[in-house]
N, C-alpha and C. Protein backbone atom coordinates (compact mmCIF):
# COMPACT_ATOMS: atom_id res chain seq x y z
N MET A 1 -31.37 19.16 45.43
CA MET A 1 -30.30 19.90 44.80
C MET A 1 -28.99 19.11 44.83
N LYS A 2 -28.72 18.46 45.97
CA LYS A 2 -27.48 17.69 46.09
C LYS A 2 -27.48 16.52 45.11
N LYS A 3 -28.67 15.90 44.91
CA LYS A 3 -28.76 14.80 43.96
C LYS A 3 -28.47 15.28 42.54
N LYS A 4 -28.92 16.47 42.23
CA LYS A 4 -28.70 17.03 40.89
C LYS A 4 -27.22 17.29 40.66
N ILE A 5 -26.55 17.85 41.65
CA ILE A 5 -25.11 18.12 41.54
C ILE A 5 -24.33 16.81 41.43
N LEU A 6 -24.71 15.82 42.22
CA LEU A 6 -24.05 14.53 42.16
C LEU A 6 -24.26 13.89 40.78
N PHE A 7 -25.48 13.94 40.27
CA PHE A 7 -25.79 13.40 38.95
C PHE A 7 -24.96 14.08 37.87
N LEU A 8 -24.89 15.40 37.90
CA LEU A 8 -24.10 16.14 36.91
C LEU A 8 -22.61 15.83 37.01
N THR A 9 -22.13 15.67 38.22
CA THR A 9 -20.71 15.32 38.42
C THR A 9 -20.41 13.95 37.84
N VAL A 10 -21.29 12.99 38.10
CA VAL A 10 -21.10 11.64 37.57
C VAL A 10 -21.13 11.67 36.03
N CYS A 11 -22.08 12.41 35.47
CA CYS A 11 -22.16 12.53 34.01
C CYS A 11 -20.90 13.14 33.43
N PHE A 12 -20.37 14.16 34.07
CA PHE A 12 -19.15 14.81 33.61
C PHE A 12 -17.97 13.85 33.64
N ILE A 13 -17.84 13.10 34.72
CA ILE A 13 -16.73 12.15 34.85
C ILE A 13 -16.85 11.06 33.79
N LEU A 14 -18.05 10.54 33.58
CA LEU A 14 -18.24 9.51 32.56
C LEU A 14 -17.95 10.03 31.16
N SER A 15 -18.38 11.24 30.87
CA SER A 15 -18.10 11.80 29.54
C SER A 15 -16.61 12.01 29.33
N CYS A 16 -15.90 12.43 30.36
CA CYS A 16 -14.44 12.57 30.25
C CYS A 16 -13.78 11.21 30.02
N PHE A 17 -14.25 10.19 30.72
CA PHE A 17 -13.71 8.85 30.56
C PHE A 17 -13.89 8.35 29.13
N PHE A 18 -15.10 8.50 28.58
CA PHE A 18 -15.36 8.04 27.22
C PHE A 18 -14.58 8.86 26.19
N ALA A 19 -14.42 10.13 26.43
CA ALA A 19 -13.67 10.97 25.49
C ALA A 19 -12.20 10.54 25.44
N VAL A 20 -11.64 10.24 26.59
CA VAL A 20 -10.24 9.81 26.64
C VAL A 20 -10.08 8.43 26.00
N SER A 21 -11.02 7.51 26.26
CA SER A 21 -10.88 6.16 25.70
C SER A 21 -11.02 6.16 24.19
N TYR A 22 -11.87 7.01 23.63
CA TYR A 22 -12.02 7.07 22.18
C TYR A 22 -10.88 7.83 21.52
N ALA A 23 -10.18 8.64 22.25
CA ALA A 23 -9.09 9.43 21.68
C ALA A 23 -7.79 8.63 21.59
N SER A 24 -7.82 7.34 21.96
CA SER A 24 -6.59 6.57 21.94
C SER A 24 -6.24 6.05 20.55
N ASP A 25 -7.11 6.27 19.56
CA ASP A 25 -6.82 5.89 18.18
C ASP A 25 -6.62 7.14 17.34
N ARG A 26 -5.68 7.02 16.40
CA ARG A 26 -5.39 8.14 15.50
C ARG A 26 -5.55 7.66 14.07
N ALA A 27 -6.30 8.41 13.28
CA ALA A 27 -6.48 8.05 11.87
C ALA A 27 -5.15 8.22 11.13
N VAL A 28 -4.88 7.28 10.23
CA VAL A 28 -3.65 7.30 9.44
C VAL A 28 -4.05 7.08 7.98
N SER A 29 -3.51 7.86 7.08
CA SER A 29 -3.81 7.65 5.67
C SER A 29 -3.00 6.46 5.16
N GLY A 30 -3.49 5.82 4.11
CA GLY A 30 -2.79 4.68 3.54
C GLY A 30 -1.36 4.98 3.14
N LYS A 31 -1.13 6.19 2.63
CA LYS A 31 0.23 6.54 2.19
C LYS A 31 1.17 6.78 3.38
N ASP A 32 0.61 7.02 4.58
CA ASP A 32 1.44 7.26 5.76
C ASP A 32 1.69 6.02 6.60
N LEU A 33 1.19 4.87 6.16
CA LEU A 33 1.45 3.64 6.88
C LEU A 33 2.92 3.26 6.73
N PRO A 34 3.49 2.54 7.70
CA PRO A 34 4.88 2.08 7.56
C PRO A 34 5.07 1.25 6.29
N GLY A 35 6.26 1.28 5.75
CA GLY A 35 6.57 0.61 4.50
C GLY A 35 6.28 -0.87 4.49
N ASN A 36 6.59 -1.56 5.59
CA ASN A 36 6.36 -3.00 5.60
C ASN A 36 4.86 -3.34 5.60
N ILE A 37 4.02 -2.47 6.16
CA ILE A 37 2.58 -2.68 6.10
C ILE A 37 2.08 -2.46 4.68
N LYS A 38 2.53 -1.39 4.05
CA LYS A 38 2.13 -1.13 2.66
C LYS A 38 2.58 -2.26 1.75
N SER A 39 3.78 -2.76 1.96
CA SER A 39 4.30 -3.86 1.15
C SER A 39 3.48 -5.13 1.34
N PHE A 40 3.13 -5.45 2.58
CA PHE A 40 2.32 -6.63 2.87
C PHE A 40 0.97 -6.53 2.15
N ILE A 41 0.34 -5.38 2.24
CA ILE A 41 -0.97 -5.20 1.62
C ILE A 41 -0.88 -5.29 0.10
N SER A 42 0.09 -4.61 -0.48
CA SER A 42 0.19 -4.61 -1.96
C SER A 42 0.54 -6.00 -2.51
N SER A 43 1.32 -6.78 -1.77
CA SER A 43 1.70 -8.10 -2.29
C SER A 43 0.66 -9.17 -2.00
N ASN A 44 -0.18 -8.99 -0.99
CA ASN A 44 -1.15 -10.01 -0.64
C ASN A 44 -2.59 -9.67 -1.02
N PHE A 45 -2.87 -8.43 -1.28
CA PHE A 45 -4.22 -8.00 -1.63
C PHE A 45 -4.13 -7.11 -2.88
N LYS A 46 -3.78 -7.73 -3.97
CA LYS A 46 -3.59 -7.00 -5.22
C LYS A 46 -4.88 -6.31 -5.65
N ASN A 47 -4.75 -5.11 -6.18
CA ASN A 47 -5.88 -4.31 -6.66
C ASN A 47 -6.89 -3.96 -5.58
N VAL A 48 -6.46 -4.00 -4.32
CA VAL A 48 -7.33 -3.61 -3.21
C VAL A 48 -6.68 -2.41 -2.53
N GLN A 49 -7.47 -1.40 -2.28
CA GLN A 49 -6.96 -0.16 -1.69
C GLN A 49 -7.21 -0.13 -0.19
N VAL A 50 -6.44 0.67 0.51
CA VAL A 50 -6.69 0.93 1.92
C VAL A 50 -7.86 1.91 2.00
N ALA A 51 -8.94 1.48 2.66
CA ALA A 51 -10.10 2.35 2.82
C ALA A 51 -9.88 3.30 3.99
N SER A 52 -9.35 2.78 5.09
CA SER A 52 -9.01 3.61 6.25
C SER A 52 -8.04 2.84 7.13
N ALA A 53 -7.39 3.56 8.02
CA ALA A 53 -6.44 2.95 8.94
C ALA A 53 -6.40 3.77 10.22
N GLU A 54 -6.12 3.07 11.31
CA GLU A 54 -5.99 3.72 12.61
C GLU A 54 -4.77 3.18 13.32
N GLN A 55 -4.14 4.03 14.08
CA GLN A 55 -3.04 3.59 14.93
C GLN A 55 -3.47 3.78 16.37
N ASP A 56 -3.34 2.73 17.16
CA ASP A 56 -3.64 2.79 18.58
C ASP A 56 -2.51 3.55 19.26
N MET A 57 -2.82 4.65 19.87
CA MET A 57 -1.79 5.49 20.47
C MET A 57 -1.23 4.89 21.75
N ASP A 58 -1.90 3.91 22.33
CA ASP A 58 -1.40 3.27 23.55
C ASP A 58 -0.27 2.30 23.25
N ASP A 59 -0.46 1.42 22.25
CA ASP A 59 0.55 0.41 21.97
C ASP A 59 1.18 0.51 20.58
N GLY A 60 0.70 1.44 19.75
CA GLY A 60 1.29 1.65 18.43
C GLY A 60 0.80 0.70 17.36
N ASP A 61 -0.10 -0.23 17.71
CA ASP A 61 -0.63 -1.18 16.73
C ASP A 61 -1.49 -0.46 15.70
N TYR A 62 -1.64 -1.10 14.53
CA TYR A 62 -2.42 -0.54 13.44
C TYR A 62 -3.60 -1.44 13.09
N ASP A 63 -4.74 -0.85 12.81
CA ASP A 63 -5.89 -1.53 12.23
C ASP A 63 -6.08 -0.94 10.84
N VAL A 64 -6.02 -1.80 9.83
CA VAL A 64 -6.14 -1.35 8.44
C VAL A 64 -7.38 -1.98 7.83
N TYR A 65 -8.26 -1.15 7.30
CA TYR A 65 -9.50 -1.59 6.67
C TYR A 65 -9.34 -1.43 5.16
N LEU A 66 -9.51 -2.54 4.45
CA LEU A 66 -9.34 -2.53 3.01
C LEU A 66 -10.67 -2.28 2.30
N SER A 67 -10.60 -1.85 1.07
CA SER A 67 -11.81 -1.48 0.31
C SER A 67 -12.72 -2.68 0.06
N ASN A 68 -12.23 -3.90 0.16
CA ASN A 68 -13.06 -5.09 -0.02
C ASN A 68 -13.67 -5.58 1.29
N GLY A 69 -13.47 -4.86 2.39
CA GLY A 69 -14.06 -5.21 3.68
C GLY A 69 -13.12 -5.95 4.61
N ILE A 70 -12.00 -6.41 4.13
CA ILE A 70 -11.05 -7.14 4.97
C ILE A 70 -10.39 -6.18 5.96
N LYS A 71 -10.23 -6.67 7.20
CA LYS A 71 -9.54 -5.89 8.23
C LYS A 71 -8.26 -6.63 8.59
N VAL A 72 -7.14 -5.92 8.57
CA VAL A 72 -5.85 -6.50 8.94
C VAL A 72 -5.31 -5.73 10.13
N GLU A 73 -4.97 -6.47 11.18
CA GLU A 73 -4.38 -5.86 12.37
C GLU A 73 -2.88 -6.13 12.35
N PHE A 74 -2.11 -5.07 12.57
CA PHE A 74 -0.65 -5.15 12.56
C PHE A 74 -0.11 -4.73 13.92
N SER A 75 1.02 -5.31 14.30
CA SER A 75 1.72 -4.86 15.50
C SER A 75 2.38 -3.52 15.21
N SER A 76 2.89 -2.88 16.23
CA SER A 76 3.57 -1.59 16.05
C SER A 76 4.80 -1.74 15.16
N GLU A 77 5.38 -2.96 15.09
CA GLU A 77 6.54 -3.21 14.23
C GLU A 77 6.14 -3.47 12.79
N GLY A 78 4.83 -3.66 12.54
CA GLY A 78 4.35 -3.84 11.18
C GLY A 78 4.11 -5.27 10.75
N SER A 79 4.18 -6.24 11.67
CA SER A 79 3.88 -7.62 11.29
C SER A 79 2.39 -7.88 11.53
N TRP A 80 1.76 -8.61 10.61
CA TRP A 80 0.33 -8.84 10.76
C TRP A 80 0.07 -9.74 11.95
N GLN A 81 -1.03 -9.46 12.65
CA GLN A 81 -1.43 -10.22 13.83
C GLN A 81 -2.75 -10.96 13.62
N LYS A 82 -3.66 -10.32 12.88
CA LYS A 82 -4.98 -10.91 12.65
C LYS A 82 -5.53 -10.39 11.34
N ILE A 83 -6.17 -11.29 10.59
CA ILE A 83 -6.82 -10.89 9.35
C ILE A 83 -8.25 -11.43 9.38
N ASP A 84 -9.20 -10.52 9.31
CA ASP A 84 -10.61 -10.87 9.33
C ASP A 84 -11.19 -10.59 7.95
N GLY A 85 -11.66 -11.65 7.29
CA GLY A 85 -12.19 -11.51 5.93
C GLY A 85 -13.48 -10.73 5.86
N ASN A 86 -14.24 -10.64 6.94
CA ASN A 86 -15.53 -9.94 6.94
C ASN A 86 -16.37 -10.31 5.72
N GLY A 87 -16.55 -11.61 5.51
CA GLY A 87 -17.34 -12.09 4.38
C GLY A 87 -16.50 -12.53 3.19
N ASN A 88 -15.24 -12.15 3.16
CA ASN A 88 -14.32 -12.59 2.11
C ASN A 88 -13.53 -13.79 2.64
N PHE A 89 -13.16 -14.68 1.74
CA PHE A 89 -12.35 -15.82 2.14
C PHE A 89 -10.88 -15.49 1.92
N LEU A 90 -10.04 -15.96 2.82
CA LEU A 90 -8.62 -15.63 2.81
C LEU A 90 -7.81 -16.77 2.19
N SER A 91 -6.81 -16.41 1.40
CA SER A 91 -6.00 -17.45 0.75
C SER A 91 -4.58 -16.99 0.43
N GLY A 92 -4.13 -15.92 1.00
CA GLY A 92 -2.84 -15.35 0.64
C GLY A 92 -1.64 -16.18 1.06
N SER A 93 -0.49 -15.76 0.61
CA SER A 93 0.75 -16.46 0.92
C SER A 93 1.13 -16.33 2.39
N TYR A 94 0.47 -15.46 3.11
CA TYR A 94 0.72 -15.29 4.55
C TYR A 94 0.17 -16.47 5.35
N ILE A 95 -0.66 -17.32 4.73
CA ILE A 95 -1.22 -18.49 5.42
C ILE A 95 -0.32 -19.69 5.14
N PRO A 96 0.24 -20.31 6.18
CA PRO A 96 1.10 -21.48 5.96
C PRO A 96 0.36 -22.59 5.21
N ALA A 97 1.09 -23.33 4.40
CA ALA A 97 0.50 -24.38 3.55
C ALA A 97 -0.27 -25.41 4.37
N GLY A 98 0.24 -25.78 5.54
CA GLY A 98 -0.44 -26.76 6.37
C GLY A 98 -1.83 -26.31 6.78
N ILE A 99 -1.99 -25.02 6.98
CA ILE A 99 -3.30 -24.47 7.34
C ILE A 99 -4.20 -24.43 6.10
N LYS A 100 -3.67 -23.99 4.97
CA LYS A 100 -4.45 -23.93 3.74
C LYS A 100 -4.97 -25.30 3.34
N ASN A 101 -4.15 -26.33 3.51
CA ASN A 101 -4.49 -27.67 3.05
C ASN A 101 -5.25 -28.50 4.08
N HIS A 102 -5.42 -27.98 5.27
CA HIS A 102 -6.05 -28.78 6.34
C HIS A 102 -7.50 -29.11 6.05
N LYS A 103 -8.27 -28.13 5.60
CA LYS A 103 -9.69 -28.35 5.29
C LYS A 103 -10.00 -27.81 3.90
N PRO A 104 -9.67 -28.56 2.86
CA PRO A 104 -9.86 -28.04 1.50
C PRO A 104 -11.32 -27.73 1.16
N ALA A 105 -12.28 -28.37 1.84
CA ALA A 105 -13.69 -28.13 1.53
C ALA A 105 -14.23 -26.86 2.22
N ALA A 106 -13.49 -26.33 3.16
CA ALA A 106 -13.94 -25.12 3.88
C ALA A 106 -12.94 -23.99 3.65
N SER A 107 -13.46 -22.80 3.49
CA SER A 107 -12.60 -21.63 3.26
C SER A 107 -12.25 -20.97 4.59
N ILE A 108 -11.13 -20.28 4.61
CA ILE A 108 -10.68 -19.58 5.81
C ILE A 108 -11.34 -18.20 5.84
N LYS A 109 -12.03 -17.91 6.95
CA LYS A 109 -12.69 -16.61 7.13
C LYS A 109 -11.83 -15.65 7.94
N GLU A 110 -11.04 -16.20 8.87
CA GLU A 110 -10.25 -15.36 9.76
C GLU A 110 -9.04 -16.15 10.23
N ILE A 111 -7.92 -15.47 10.36
CA ILE A 111 -6.71 -16.10 10.88
C ILE A 111 -6.03 -15.12 11.84
N GLU A 112 -5.54 -15.66 12.94
CA GLU A 112 -4.88 -14.83 13.94
C GLU A 112 -3.58 -15.50 14.37
N LYS A 113 -2.51 -14.70 14.41
CA LYS A 113 -1.23 -15.20 14.90
C LYS A 113 -1.19 -14.99 16.40
N LYS A 114 -0.85 -16.05 17.10
CA LYS A 114 -0.68 -15.99 18.55
C LYS A 114 0.77 -16.36 18.86
N TYR A 115 1.14 -16.17 20.09
CA TYR A 115 2.50 -16.52 20.51
C TYR A 115 2.78 -18.00 20.25
N SER A 116 1.76 -18.85 20.46
CA SER A 116 1.95 -20.29 20.33
C SER A 116 1.62 -20.84 18.95
N GLY A 117 1.16 -20.00 18.03
CA GLY A 117 0.81 -20.50 16.70
C GLY A 117 -0.30 -19.68 16.07
N TYR A 118 -1.25 -20.37 15.45
CA TYR A 118 -2.34 -19.71 14.71
C TYR A 118 -3.69 -20.21 15.20
N GLU A 119 -4.68 -19.31 15.16
CA GLU A 119 -6.07 -19.67 15.36
C GLU A 119 -6.80 -19.33 14.07
N VAL A 120 -7.60 -20.27 13.58
CA VAL A 120 -8.26 -20.12 12.28
C VAL A 120 -9.75 -20.38 12.43
N LYS A 121 -10.56 -19.54 11.76
CA LYS A 121 -12.01 -19.75 11.68
C LYS A 121 -12.34 -20.08 10.23
N TYR A 122 -13.14 -21.15 10.07
CA TYR A 122 -13.50 -21.63 8.74
C TYR A 122 -14.94 -21.28 8.38
N SER A 123 -15.23 -21.36 7.10
CA SER A 123 -16.56 -21.04 6.59
C SER A 123 -17.62 -22.03 7.07
N ASP A 124 -17.23 -23.22 7.49
CA ASP A 124 -18.20 -24.20 7.99
C ASP A 124 -18.50 -24.01 9.47
N GLY A 125 -17.95 -22.95 10.06
CA GLY A 125 -18.20 -22.64 11.47
C GLY A 125 -17.19 -23.23 12.43
N SER A 126 -16.30 -24.08 11.96
CA SER A 126 -15.31 -24.68 12.85
C SER A 126 -14.15 -23.71 13.10
N GLU A 127 -13.49 -23.95 14.22
CA GLU A 127 -12.30 -23.18 14.59
C GLU A 127 -11.20 -24.15 14.95
N ALA A 128 -9.98 -23.85 14.54
CA ALA A 128 -8.87 -24.77 14.77
C ALA A 128 -7.63 -24.01 15.23
N LYS A 129 -6.77 -24.72 15.93
CA LYS A 129 -5.49 -24.19 16.37
C LYS A 129 -4.38 -24.96 15.67
N PHE A 130 -3.33 -24.21 15.28
CA PHE A 130 -2.17 -24.76 14.61
C PHE A 130 -0.92 -24.25 15.31
N ASP A 131 0.16 -24.99 15.21
CA ASP A 131 1.42 -24.50 15.77
C ASP A 131 2.02 -23.44 14.85
N GLY A 132 3.17 -22.93 15.20
CA GLY A 132 3.81 -21.86 14.44
C GLY A 132 4.23 -22.24 13.04
N ASN A 133 4.30 -23.55 12.75
CA ASN A 133 4.66 -24.03 11.41
C ASN A 133 3.44 -24.41 10.57
N GLY A 134 2.25 -24.25 11.15
CA GLY A 134 1.03 -24.60 10.43
C GLY A 134 0.58 -26.04 10.62
N LYS A 135 1.15 -26.73 11.61
CA LYS A 135 0.75 -28.11 11.90
C LYS A 135 -0.49 -28.09 12.77
N PHE A 136 -1.52 -28.86 12.36
CA PHE A 136 -2.78 -28.91 13.09
C PHE A 136 -2.57 -29.43 14.51
N LEU A 137 -3.20 -28.74 15.48
CA LEU A 137 -3.14 -29.18 16.88
C LEU A 137 -4.49 -29.71 17.36
N ARG A 138 -5.56 -28.91 17.18
CA ARG A 138 -6.88 -29.32 17.65
C ARG A 138 -7.96 -28.37 17.15
N TYR A 139 -9.20 -28.85 17.26
CA TYR A 139 -10.35 -28.00 16.99
C TYR A 139 -10.82 -27.37 18.30
N ASP A 140 -11.32 -26.16 18.22
CA ASP A 140 -11.90 -25.50 19.38
C ASP A 140 -13.39 -25.78 19.39
N ASP A 141 -13.95 -25.77 20.58
CA ASP A 141 -15.41 -25.96 20.71
C ASP A 141 -16.13 -24.69 20.42
């Protein structure tokens, strides 16, 4: 009997933990996104609609899923942090020229802004790091 009570208690605690962790995101409609996010999407992804969006209630960041499968992560202030093409190749004006021109034979699949610069994943499987101005630094293993 004690084992059964202990088992049920553990199950209850785990279910509460998972319920709280999943509740940290809030669905947001495309029309309710901040203006700078809507502007970024409309100017860089023409004729593509917001399929869904979520705001992380812990830090205020946004995850925006576009109708073409692309996922764009924004900070709480509305600046893009990461763009994952999810099978689409990226080429918008948000990518510095030095990064676009670095590997003309390979397309960009994903780009992420970091404090020290950019991390880029290419269609040929390579990954590279660039400084904040788009100057190539090195390839990642």
